C-alpha cells in the first residue's frame, strides 16, 4: 500500500501544478482511504506535503510570469492568521466531521468554478487581462475565511483561492493558479503550526511522498502551457464534483448521526412535557 501511496503522490503534484489546487483534496483521501491513516493525522500530514510541493510549483510559475506577488502576500498573510486559528479549533471536531465539511466546501467551490467557466463575450479580453488589486473590504474576510477552512480541514485552500482570485481579482486563470500556489505554501505552514502537539507525524513517509509530489508539480506546471484557461476551469470544477460527492458519501454518517440526535432530543422534550402535564397541581392551603 505504501508503494501505491507513493505512486499517487505524483498525481497530487500534477493536479497542483495544473490547477493551483486539488492536491490536498487528493492527499487527504489517499492517506485515509488508501493508506488507512486516522483522519486527523491524515489532515495534519497533508499540510507539509502540500506546502512544500506548492512552494516548488510557485517557483516554476514565477519563472513563467504567472505569480502576482503583491496579491499573494496580502492574501496569504491574512489567510495564515485564519489557518492557525482554524487548526487550533479543529480539536473540537471529529475526523469524520472534518472530512464531511471538506466535501461540502468542495461542491460549493465547484459551482463557483462552473459559473466562471461559462463562455462570455468578454472572454477574449479576460484572457489578456491583468490581475487587479482586491479591495480590502473583500480581501480580509475572504482570505481569513479561506485560512480558517484550511486549518479546520487541513487543506492548502487552492480550490478556494483560485476562484477567489478569478472572480474577485479578475485574474487570468493561469496567473490565479500560480499565485494560489504561493498562498497555499504560506497557508499550509500556518495550518501545520496549529497542529503541532496534537499529532505525531511519520516524517520518513511524508518526506518520500513530498519528494515525489514535487516531481509531479514540476510536470504539471510545464503542462499549463498547453491547456486553455477555460479548459482548466472546467476540469477543476469536474474534479471537485467527483471528489466532493465521493467524500460526502463516505462520511454520510455525520448527517445520519445528527438526525438521530435531533430525533432523540425531540423525543426527550416531548416525554418531559407529558410528565409535567401529568403531575398533580399543588394544593393551596390556608394559613
C-alpha atoms as a PDB file:
ATOM      1  CA  UNK A   1       0.000   0.000   0.000  1.00  0.00           C
ATOM      2  CA  UNK A   2       2.883   2.360   0.702  1.00  0.00           C
ATOM      3  CA  UNK A   3       4.113   1.941  -2.876  1.00  0.00           C
ATOM      4  CA  UNK A   4       0.623   2.724  -4.155  1.00  0.00           C
ATOM      5  CA  UNK A   5       0.613   5.828  -1.990  1.00  0.00           C
ATOM      6  CA  UNK A   6       3.923   6.959  -3.443  1.00  0.00           C
ATOM      7  CA  UNK A   7       2.578   6.400  -6.966  1.00  0.00           C
ATOM      8  CA  UNK A   8      -0.458   8.560  -6.197  1.00  0.00           C
ATOM      9  CA  UNK A   9       1.846  11.284  -4.848  1.00  0.00           C
ATOM     10  CA  UNK A  10       2.751  12.117  -8.447  1.00  0.00           C
ATOM     11  CA  UNK A  11      -0.947  12.717  -9.201  1.00  0.00           C
ATOM     12  CA  UNK A  12      -1.129  15.086  -6.226  1.00  0.00           C
ATOM     13  CA  UNK A  13       1.745  17.130  -7.650  1.00  0.00           C
ATOM     14  CA  UNK A  14       0.380  17.210 -11.190  1.00  0.00           C
ATOM     15  CA  UNK A  15      -3.024  18.458 -10.007  1.00  0.00           C
ATOM     16  CA  UNK A  16      -1.368  21.254  -8.046  1.00  0.00           C
ATOM     17  CA  UNK A  17       0.774  22.262 -10.997  1.00  0.00           C
ATOM     18  CA  UNK A  18      -2.100  22.281 -13.493  1.00  0.00           C
ATOM     19  CA  UNK A  19      -4.888  23.737 -11.366  1.00  0.00           C
ATOM     20  CA  UNK A  20      -3.233  25.532  -8.457  1.00  0.00           C
ATOM     21  CA  UNK A  21      -5.176  23.331  -6.054  1.00  0.00           C
ATOM     22  CA  UNK A  22      -6.709  19.913  -5.677  1.00  0.00           C
ATOM     23  CA  UNK A  23      -3.538  18.363  -4.338  1.00  0.00           C
ATOM     24  CA  UNK A  24      -4.720  18.468  -0.760  1.00  0.00           C
ATOM     25  CA  UNK A  25      -8.144  17.241  -1.847  1.00  0.00           C
ATOM     26  CA  UNK A  26      -6.366  14.171  -3.173  1.00  0.00           C
ATOM     27  CA  UNK A  27      -3.813  13.864  -0.378  1.00  0.00           C
ATOM     28  CA  UNK A  28      -6.261  13.529   2.498  1.00  0.00           C
ATOM     29  CA  UNK A  29      -8.371  10.792   0.814  1.00  0.00           C
ATOM     30  CA  UNK A  30      -5.191   8.939  -0.190  1.00  0.00           C
ATOM     31  CA  UNK A  31      -3.933   8.961   3.387  1.00  0.00           C
ATOM     32  CA  UNK A  32      -7.332   7.950   4.803  1.00  0.00           C
ATOM     33  CA  UNK A  33      -8.885   5.597   2.229  1.00  0.00           C
ATOM     34  CA  UNK A  34      -5.792   4.081   0.583  1.00  0.00           C
ATOM     35  CA  UNK A  35      -3.201   4.045   3.376  1.00  0.00           C
ATOM     36  CA  UNK A  36      -5.551   3.764   6.349  1.00  0.00           C
ATOM     37  CA  UNK A  37      -4.387   6.720   8.431  1.00  0.00           C
ATOM     38  CA  UNK A  38      -6.659   8.313  11.031  1.00  0.00           C
ATOM     39  CA  UNK A  39      -8.468  11.343   9.514  1.00  0.00           C
ATOM     40  CA  UNK A  40      -6.977  13.850  11.952  1.00  0.00           C
ATOM     41  CA  UNK A  41      -3.447  12.559  11.386  1.00  0.00           C
ATOM     42  CA  UNK A  42      -4.036  12.481   7.620  1.00  0.00           C
ATOM     43  CA  UNK A  43      -5.183  16.106   7.687  1.00  0.00           C
ATOM     44  CA  UNK A  44      -2.083  17.202   9.600  1.00  0.00           C
ATOM     45  CA  UNK A  45       0.214  15.113   7.366  1.00  0.00           C
ATOM     46  CA  UNK A  46      -1.203  16.665   4.216  1.00  0.00           C
ATOM     47  CA  UNK A  47      -0.188  20.202   5.178  1.00  0.00           C
ATOM     48  CA  UNK A  48       3.633  19.867   4.938  1.00  0.00           C
ATOM     49  CA  UNK A  49       3.227  17.787   1.770  1.00  0.00           C
ATOM     50  CA  UNK A  50       1.067  20.420   0.104  1.00  0.00           C
ATOM     51  CA  UNK A  51       3.031  23.356   1.475  1.00  0.00           C
ATOM     52  CA  UNK A  52       6.443  22.191   0.228  1.00  0.00           C
ATOM     53  CA  UNK A  53       5.057  20.925  -3.078  1.00  0.00           C
ATOM     54  CA  UNK A  54       3.201  24.195  -3.694  1.00  0.00           C
ATOM     55  CA  UNK A  55       6.320  26.227  -2.973  1.00  0.00           C
ATOM     56  CA  UNK A  56       8.204  24.247  -5.620  1.00  0.00           C
ATOM     57  CA  UNK A  57       5.370  24.792  -8.081  1.00  0.00           C
ATOM     58  CA  UNK A  58       5.200  28.508  -7.316  1.00  0.00           C
ATOM     59  CA  UNK A  59       8.872  28.805  -8.281  1.00  0.00           C
ATOM     60  CA  UNK A  60       8.098  27.352 -11.708  1.00  0.00           C
ATOM     61  CA  UNK A  61       5.110  29.641 -12.204  1.00  0.00           C
ATOM     62  CA  UNK A  62       7.215  32.611 -11.065  1.00  0.00           C
ATOM     63  CA  UNK A  63       9.650  31.984 -13.905  1.00  0.00           C
ATOM     64  CA  UNK A  64       6.714  31.845 -16.328  1.00  0.00           C
ATOM     65  CA  UNK A  65       5.366  35.156 -15.018  1.00  0.00           C
ATOM     66  CA  UNK A  66       2.239  33.611 -13.523  1.00  0.00           C
ATOM     67  CA  UNK A  67       2.636  34.808  -9.910  1.00  0.00           C
ATOM     68  CA  UNK A  68       1.152  38.134  -8.763  1.00  0.00           C
ATOM     69  CA  UNK A  69       3.409  38.665  -5.756  1.00  0.00           C
ATOM     70  CA  UNK A  70       1.584  41.547  -4.058  1.00  0.00           C
ATOM     71  CA  UNK A  71      -1.757  39.744  -4.163  1.00  0.00           C
ATOM     72  CA  UNK A  72      -0.146  36.541  -2.863  1.00  0.00           C
ATOM     73  CA  UNK A  73       1.465  38.317   0.095  1.00  0.00           C
ATOM     74  CA  UNK A  74      -1.624  40.279   1.134  1.00  0.00           C
ATOM     75  CA  UNK A  75      -3.966  37.313   0.693  1.00  0.00           C
ATOM     76  CA  UNK A  76      -1.500  34.852   2.222  1.00  0.00           C
ATOM     77  CA  UNK A  77      -0.727  36.796   5.398  1.00  0.00           C
ATOM     78  CA  UNK A  78      -4.396  37.237   6.291  1.00  0.00           C
ATOM     79  CA  UNK A  79      -5.100  33.591   5.441  1.00  0.00           C
ATOM     80  CA  UNK A  80      -2.227  32.435   7.667  1.00  0.00           C
ATOM     81  CA  UNK A  81      -3.865  34.034  10.708  1.00  0.00           C
ATOM     82  CA  UNK A  82      -7.108  32.242   9.939  1.00  0.00           C
ATOM     83  CA  UNK A  83      -5.323  28.934   9.227  1.00  0.00           C
ATOM     84  CA  UNK A  84      -3.586  28.898  12.606  1.00  0.00           C
ATOM     85  CA  UNK A  85      -6.827  29.739  14.420  1.00  0.00           C
ATOM     86  CA  UNK A  86      -8.738  27.074  12.474  1.00  0.00           C
ATOM     87  CA  UNK A  87      -6.132  24.403  13.197  1.00  0.00           C
ATOM     88  CA  UNK A  88      -6.268  25.108  16.923  1.00  0.00           C
ATOM     89  CA  UNK A  89     -10.059  24.885  16.824  1.00  0.00           C
ATOM     90  CA  UNK A  90     -10.027  21.612  14.841  1.00  0.00           C
ATOM     91  CA  UNK A  91      -9.558  19.675  18.077  1.00  0.00           C
ATOM     92  CA  UNK A  92     -13.240  20.236  18.795  1.00  0.00           C
ATOM     93  CA  UNK A  93     -14.351  18.431  15.602  1.00  0.00           C
ATOM     94  CA  UNK A  94     -14.265  14.702  14.899  1.00  0.00           C
ATOM     95  CA  UNK A  95     -12.232  13.461  11.949  1.00  0.00           C
ATOM     96  CA  UNK A  96     -15.391  12.325  10.162  1.00  0.00           C
ATOM     97  CA  UNK A  97     -16.968  15.735  10.587  1.00  0.00           C
ATOM     98  CA  UNK A  98     -13.854  17.400   9.176  1.00  0.00           C
ATOM     99  CA  UNK A  99     -13.942  15.180   6.079  1.00  0.00           C
ATOM    100  CA  UNK A 100     -17.665  15.825   5.563  1.00  0.00           C
ATOM    101  CA  UNK A 101     -17.064  19.562   5.836  1.00  0.00           C
ATOM    102  CA  UNK A 102     -14.286  19.284   3.247  1.00  0.00           C
ATOM    103  CA  UNK A 103     -16.657  17.510   0.850  1.00  0.00           C
ATOM    104  CA  UNK A 104     -19.372  20.160   1.182  1.00  0.00           C
ATOM    105  CA  UNK A 105     -16.924  23.002   0.572  1.00  0.00           C
ATOM    106  CA  UNK A 106     -15.535  21.225  -2.475  1.00  0.00           C
ATOM    107  CA  UNK A 107     -19.006  21.106  -4.051  1.00  0.00           C
ATOM    108  CA  UNK A 108     -19.559  24.807  -3.346  1.00  0.00           C
ATOM    109  CA  UNK A 109     -16.223  25.660  -4.950  1.00  0.00           C
ATOM    110  CA  UNK A 110     -17.118  23.507  -7.971  1.00  0.00           C
ATOM    111  CA  UNK A 111     -20.307  25.518  -8.512  1.00  0.00           C
ATOM    112  CA  UNK A 112     -18.263  28.725  -8.402  1.00  0.00           C
ATOM    113  CA  UNK A 113     -15.800  27.419 -10.973  1.00  0.00           C
ATOM    114  CA  UNK A 114     -18.527  26.133 -13.318  1.00  0.00           C
ATOM    115  CA  UNK A 115     -20.073  29.594 -13.276  1.00  0.00           C
ATOM    116  CA  UNK A 116     -16.781  31.340 -14.021  1.00  0.00           C
ATOM    117  CA  UNK A 117     -16.012  28.892 -16.855  1.00  0.00           C
ATOM    118  CA  UNK A 118     -19.055  29.867 -18.911  1.00  0.00           C
ATOM    119  CA  UNK A 119     -18.066  31.481 -22.210  1.00  0.00           C
ATOM    120  CA  UNK A 120     -18.863  35.181 -22.426  1.00  0.00           C
ATOM    121  CA  UNK A 121     -18.479  37.899 -24.997  1.00  0.00           C
ATOM    122  CA  UNK A 122     -15.608  39.331 -22.977  1.00  0.00           C
ATOM    123  CA  UNK A 123     -13.715  36.046 -22.785  1.00  0.00           C
ATOM    124  CA  UNK A 124     -11.017  37.207 -25.200  1.00  0.00           C
ATOM    125  CA  UNK A 125     -10.378  40.307 -23.119  1.00  0.00           C
ATOM    126  CA  UNK A 126     -10.270  38.277 -19.902  1.00  0.00           C
ATOM    127  CA  UNK A 127      -7.509  36.092 -21.315  1.00  0.00           C
ATOM    128  CA  UNK A 128      -5.129  39.046 -21.504  1.00  0.00           C
ATOM    129  CA  UNK A 129      -6.417  40.991 -18.515  1.00  0.00           C
ATOM    130  CA  UNK A 130      -4.032  41.592 -15.638  1.00  0.00           C
ATOM    131  CA  UNK A 131      -4.826  40.797 -12.023  1.00  0.00           C
ATOM    132  CA  UNK A 132      -6.403  43.718 -10.182  1.00  0.00           C
ATOM    133  CA  UNK A 133      -5.825  44.636  -6.553  1.00  0.00           C
ATOM    134  CA  UNK A 134      -8.579  43.101  -4.430  1.00  0.00           C
ATOM    135  CA  UNK A 135     -10.467  45.678  -2.312  1.00  0.00           C
ATOM    136  CA  UNK A 136      -9.535  45.373   1.369  1.00  0.00           C
ATOM    137  CA  UNK A 137     -13.205  45.014   2.262  1.00  0.00           C
ATOM    138  CA  UNK A 138     -13.247  41.794   0.216  1.00  0.00           C
ATOM    139  CA  UNK A 139      -9.686  40.569   0.712  1.00  0.00           C
ATOM    140  CA  UNK A 140      -9.689  40.404   4.515  1.00  0.00           C
ATOM    141  CA  UNK A 141     -12.909  38.390   5.100  1.00  0.00           C
ATOM    142  CA  UNK A 142     -12.320  36.119   2.097  1.00  0.00           C
ATOM    143  CA  UNK A 143      -8.669  35.390   2.928  1.00  0.00           C
ATOM    144  CA  UNK A 144      -9.407  34.891   6.630  1.00  0.00           C
ATOM    145  CA  UNK A 145     -12.278  32.518   5.834  1.00  0.00           C
ATOM    146  CA  UNK A 146     -10.068  30.538   3.454  1.00  0.00           C
ATOM    147  CA  UNK A 147      -7.460  30.309   6.213  1.00  0.00           C
ATOM    148  CA  UNK A 148      -9.920  29.109   8.849  1.00  0.00           C
ATOM    149  CA  UNK A 149     -11.221  26.428   6.498  1.00  0.00           C
ATOM    150  CA  UNK A 150      -7.644  25.402   5.731  1.00  0.00           C
ATOM    151  CA  UNK A 151      -6.915  24.937   9.413  1.00  0.00           C
ATOM    152  CA  UNK A 152     -10.169  23.116  10.147  1.00  0.00           C
ATOM    153  CA  UNK A 153      -9.966  20.548   7.359  1.00  0.00           C
ATOM    154  CA  UNK A 154      -6.219  20.506   6.693  1.00  0.00           C
ATOM    155  CA  UNK A 155      -6.055  21.643   3.075  1.00  0.00           C
ATOM    156  CA  UNK A 156      -3.952  24.223   1.287  1.00  0.00           C
ATOM    157  CA  UNK A 157      -7.069  26.063   0.184  1.00  0.00           C
ATOM    158  CA  UNK A 158      -6.204  26.247  -3.501  1.00  0.00           C
ATOM    159  CA  UNK A 159      -9.701  25.265  -4.620  1.00  0.00           C
ATOM    160  CA  UNK A 160     -10.961  28.354  -2.771  1.00  0.00           C
ATOM    161  CA  UNK A 161      -8.044  30.685  -3.513  1.00  0.00           C
ATOM    162  CA  UNK A 162      -8.251  30.129  -7.285  1.00  0.00           C
ATOM    163  CA  UNK A 163     -11.979  31.012  -7.577  1.00  0.00           C
ATOM    164  CA  UNK A 164     -11.436  34.000  -5.272  1.00  0.00           C
ATOM    165  CA  UNK A 165      -8.644  35.362  -7.468  1.00  0.00           C
ATOM    166  CA  UNK A 166     -10.588  34.681 -10.683  1.00  0.00           C
ATOM    167  CA  UNK A 167     -13.895  36.162  -9.501  1.00  0.00           C
ATOM    168  CA  UNK A 168     -12.767  38.934  -7.145  1.00  0.00           C
ATOM    169  CA  UNK A 169      -9.382  39.989  -8.543  1.00  0.00           C
ATOM    170  CA  UNK A 170     -10.314  39.191 -12.175  1.00  0.00           C
ATOM    171  CA  UNK A 171      -7.063  37.238 -12.520  1.00  0.00           C
ATOM    172  CA  UNK A 172      -6.453  35.186 -15.674  1.00  0.00           C
ATOM    173  CA  UNK A 173      -6.737  31.506 -14.785  1.00  0.00           C
ATOM    174  CA  UNK A 174      -3.057  30.719 -15.250  1.00  0.00           C
ATOM    175  CA  UNK A 175      -1.997  33.655 -13.057  1.00  0.00           C
ATOM    176  CA  UNK A 176      -4.591  32.656 -10.455  1.00  0.00           C
ATOM    177  CA  UNK A 177      -3.064  29.156 -10.432  1.00  0.00           C
ATOM    178  CA  UNK A 178       0.492  30.432  -9.985  1.00  0.00           C
ATOM    179  CA  UNK A 179      -0.451  32.979  -7.320  1.00  0.00           C
ATOM    180  CA  UNK A 180      -2.535  30.461  -5.411  1.00  0.00           C
ATOM    181  CA  UNK A 181       0.448  28.103  -5.077  1.00  0.00           C
ATOM    182  CA  UNK A 182       2.392  30.701  -3.104  1.00  0.00           C
ATOM    183  CA  UNK A 183      -0.673  31.392  -0.955  1.00  0.00           C
ATOM    184  CA  UNK A 184      -1.093  27.645  -0.364  1.00  0.00           C
ATOM    185  CA  UNK A 185       2.514  27.333   0.811  1.00  0.00           C
ATOM    186  CA  UNK A 186       2.007  30.161   3.321  1.00  0.00           C
ATOM    187  CA  UNK A 187      -1.380  28.852   4.401  1.00  0.00           C
ATOM    188  CA  UNK A 188      -0.145  25.286   4.880  1.00  0.00           C
ATOM    189  CA  UNK A 189       2.773  26.400   7.043  1.00  0.00           C
ATOM    190  CA  UNK A 190       0.472  28.293   9.404  1.00  0.00           C
ATOM    191  CA  UNK A 191      -2.067  25.467   9.494  1.00  0.00           C
ATOM    192  CA  UNK A 192       0.570  22.873  10.324  1.00  0.00           C
ATOM    193  CA  UNK A 193       1.918  25.100  13.099  1.00  0.00           C
ATOM    194  CA  UNK A 194      -1.560  24.969  14.613  1.00  0.00           C
ATOM    195  CA  UNK A 195      -1.499  21.150  14.614  1.00  0.00           C
ATOM    196  CA  UNK A 196       1.826  20.885  16.436  1.00  0.00           C
ATOM    197  CA  UNK A 197       1.371  18.964  19.660  1.00  0.00           C
ATOM    198  CA  UNK A 198      -1.879  17.368  18.519  1.00  0.00           C
ATOM    199  CA  UNK A 199      -0.459  14.538  16.357  1.00  0.00           C
ATOM    200  CA  UNK A 200       2.784  12.636  15.739  1.00  0.00           C
ATOM    201  CA  UNK A 201       3.776  12.829  12.069  1.00  0.00           C
ATOM    202  CA  UNK A 202       5.614   9.882  10.393  1.00  0.00           C
ATOM    203  CA  UNK A 203       8.242  12.115   8.793  1.00  0.00           C
ATOM    204  CA  UNK A 204      10.041   9.372   6.835  1.00  0.00           C
ATOM    205  CA  UNK A 205       6.925   8.541   4.810  1.00  0.00           C
ATOM    206  CA  UNK A 206       5.847  12.180   4.492  1.00  0.00           C
ATOM    207  CA  UNK A 207       9.284  13.143   3.150  1.00  0.00           C
ATOM    208  CA  UNK A 208       9.189  10.467   0.432  1.00  0.00           C
ATOM    209  CA  UNK A 209       5.619  11.349  -0.522  1.00  0.00           C
ATOM    210  CA  UNK A 210       6.536  15.026  -0.755  1.00  0.00           C
ATOM    211  CA  UNK A 211       9.599  14.398  -2.929  1.00  0.00           C
ATOM    212  CA  UNK A 212       7.514  12.501  -5.492  1.00  0.00           C
ATOM    213  CA  UNK A 213       4.768  15.135  -5.394  1.00  0.00           C
ATOM    214  CA  UNK A 214       7.369  17.833  -6.146  1.00  0.00           C
ATOM    215  CA  UNK A 215       8.370  15.979  -9.318  1.00  0.00           C
ATOM    216  CA  UNK A 216       4.679  15.808 -10.255  1.00  0.00           C
ATOM    217  CA  UNK A 217       4.081  19.514  -9.730  1.00  0.00           C
ATOM    218  CA  UNK A 218       7.012  20.416 -11.966  1.00  0.00           C
ATOM    219  CA  UNK A 219       5.436  18.308 -14.716  1.00  0.00           C
ATOM    220  CA  UNK A 220       2.028  19.875 -14.092  1.00  0.00           C
ATOM    221  CA  UNK A 221       3.462  23.400 -14.161  1.00  0.00           C
ATOM    222  CA  UNK A 222       5.050  22.698 -17.537  1.00  0.00           C
ATOM    223  CA  UNK A 223       1.750  21.319 -18.790  1.00  0.00           C
ATOM    224  CA  UNK A 224      -0.127  24.601 -18.168  1.00  0.00           C
ATOM    225  CA  UNK A 225       1.473  25.951 -21.354  1.00  0.00           C
ATOM    226  CA  UNK A 226      -0.622  23.582 -23.438  1.00  0.00           C
ATOM    227  CA  UNK A 227      -4.013  23.873 -21.692  1.00  0.00           C
ATOM    228  CA  UNK A 228      -6.512  26.706 -22.239  1.00  0.00           C
ATOM    229  CA  UNK A 229      -7.764  28.749 -19.282  1.00  0.00           C
ATOM    230  CA  UNK A 230     -11.377  27.787 -19.893  1.00  0.00           C
ATOM    231  CA  UNK A 231     -10.457  24.105 -20.044  1.00  0.00           C
ATOM    232  CA  UNK A 232      -8.590  24.431 -16.754  1.00  0.00           C
ATOM    233  CA  UNK A 233     -11.660  25.938 -15.088  1.00  0.00           C
ATOM    234  CA  UNK A 234     -13.943  23.188 -16.373  1.00  0.00           C
ATOM    235  CA  UNK A 235     -11.526  20.401 -15.431  1.00  0.00           C
ATOM    236  CA  UNK A 236     -11.089  21.908 -11.975  1.00  0.00           C
ATOM    237  CA  UNK A 237     -14.847  22.054 -11.415  1.00  0.00           C
ATOM    238  CA  UNK A 238     -15.489  18.483 -12.632  1.00  0.00           C
ATOM    239  CA  UNK A 239     -12.685  17.235 -10.411  1.00  0.00           C
ATOM    240  CA  UNK A 240     -14.204  18.923  -7.362  1.00  0.00           C
ATOM    241  CA  UNK A 241     -17.672  17.486  -8.052  1.00  0.00           C
ATOM    242  CA  UNK A 242     -16.355  13.926  -8.357  1.00  0.00           C
ATOM    243  CA  UNK A 243     -14.170  14.043  -5.258  1.00  0.00           C
ATOM    244  CA  UNK A 244     -16.684  16.016  -3.200  1.00  0.00           C
ATOM    245  CA  UNK A 245     -19.507  13.598  -3.953  1.00  0.00           C
ATOM    246  CA  UNK A 246     -17.328  10.593  -3.118  1.00  0.00           C
ATOM    247  CA  UNK A 247     -16.186  12.016   0.214  1.00  0.00           C
ATOM    248  CA  UNK A 248     -19.677  13.183   1.145  1.00  0.00           C
ATOM    249  CA  UNK A 249     -20.963   9.647   0.585  1.00  0.00           C
ATOM    250  CA  UNK A 250     -18.099   8.133   2.574  1.00  0.00           C
ATOM    251  CA  UNK A 251     -18.842  10.407   5.555  1.00  0.00           C
ATOM    252  CA  UNK A 252     -22.642  10.412   5.353  1.00  0.00           C
ATOM    253  CA  UNK A 253     -22.814   9.006   8.893  1.00  0.00           C
ATOM    254  CA  UNK A 254     -22.236  12.532  10.208  1.00  0.00           C
ATOM    255  CA  UNK A 255     -25.606  13.642   8.858  1.00  0.00           C
ATOM    256  CA  UNK A 256     -27.339  10.423   9.899  1.00  0.00           C
ATOM    257  CA  UNK A 257     -25.968  10.789  13.427  1.00  0.00           C
ATOM    258  CA  UNK A 258     -27.090  14.409  13.536  1.00  0.00           C
ATOM    259  CA  UNK A 259     -30.616  13.419  12.507  1.00  0.00           C
ATOM    260  CA  UNK A 260     -30.728  10.698  15.170  1.00  0.00           C
ATOM    261  CA  UNK A 261     -29.539  13.093  17.851  1.00  0.00           C
ATOM    262  CA  UNK A 262     -32.148  15.662  16.815  1.00  0.00           C
ATOM    263  CA  UNK A 263     -34.881  12.993  16.971  1.00  0.00           C
ATOM    264  CA  UNK A 264     -33.655  11.856  20.392  1.00  0.00           C
ATOM    265  CA  UNK A 265     -33.735  15.426  21.734  1.00  0.00           C
ATOM    266  CA  UNK A 266     -37.255  15.980  20.409  1.00  0.00           C
ATOM    267  CA  UNK A 267     -38.433  12.701  21.941  1.00  0.00           C
ATOM    268  CA  UNK A 268     -36.899  13.622  25.278  1.00  0.00           C
ATOM    269  CA  UNK A 269     -38.537  17.064  25.245  1.00  0.00           C
ATOM    270  CA  UNK A 270     -41.958  15.597  24.369  1.00  0.00           C
ATOM    271  CA  UNK A 271     -41.640  12.954  27.087  1.00  0.00           C
ATOM    272  CA  UNK A 272     -40.640  15.567  29.657  1.00  0.00           C
ATOM    273  CA  UNK A 273     -43.588  17.751  28.685  1.00  0.00           C
ATOM    274  CA  UNK A 274     -46.015  14.831  29.071  1.00  0.00           C
ATOM    275  CA  UNK A 275     -44.659  14.046  32.521  1.00  0.00           C
ATOM    276  CA  UNK A 276     -45.028  17.666  33.569  1.00  0.00           C
ATOM    277  CA  UNK A 277     -48.642  17.757  32.355  1.00  0.00           C
ATOM    278  CA  UNK A 278     -49.487  14.616  34.331  1.00  0.00           C
ATOM    279  CA  UNK A 279     -48.085  15.944  37.609  1.00  0.00           C
ATOM    280  CA  UNK A 280     -50.830  16.985  40.073  1.00  0.00           C
ATOM    281  CA  UNK A 281     -51.193  20.670  40.662  1.00  0.00           C
ATOM    282  CA  UNK A 282     -50.035  21.802  44.109  1.00  0.00           C
ATOM    283  CA  UNK A 283     -52.847  22.309  46.620  1.00  0.00           C
ATOM    284  CA  UNK A 284     -53.115  25.717  48.204  1.00  0.00           C
ATOM    285  CA  UNK A 285     -53.500  25.663  51.965  1.00  0.00           C
ATOM    286  CA  UNK A 286     -54.865  28.392  54.142  1.00  0.00           C
ATOM    287  CA  UNK A 287     -52.641  29.644  56.883  1.00  0.00           C
END
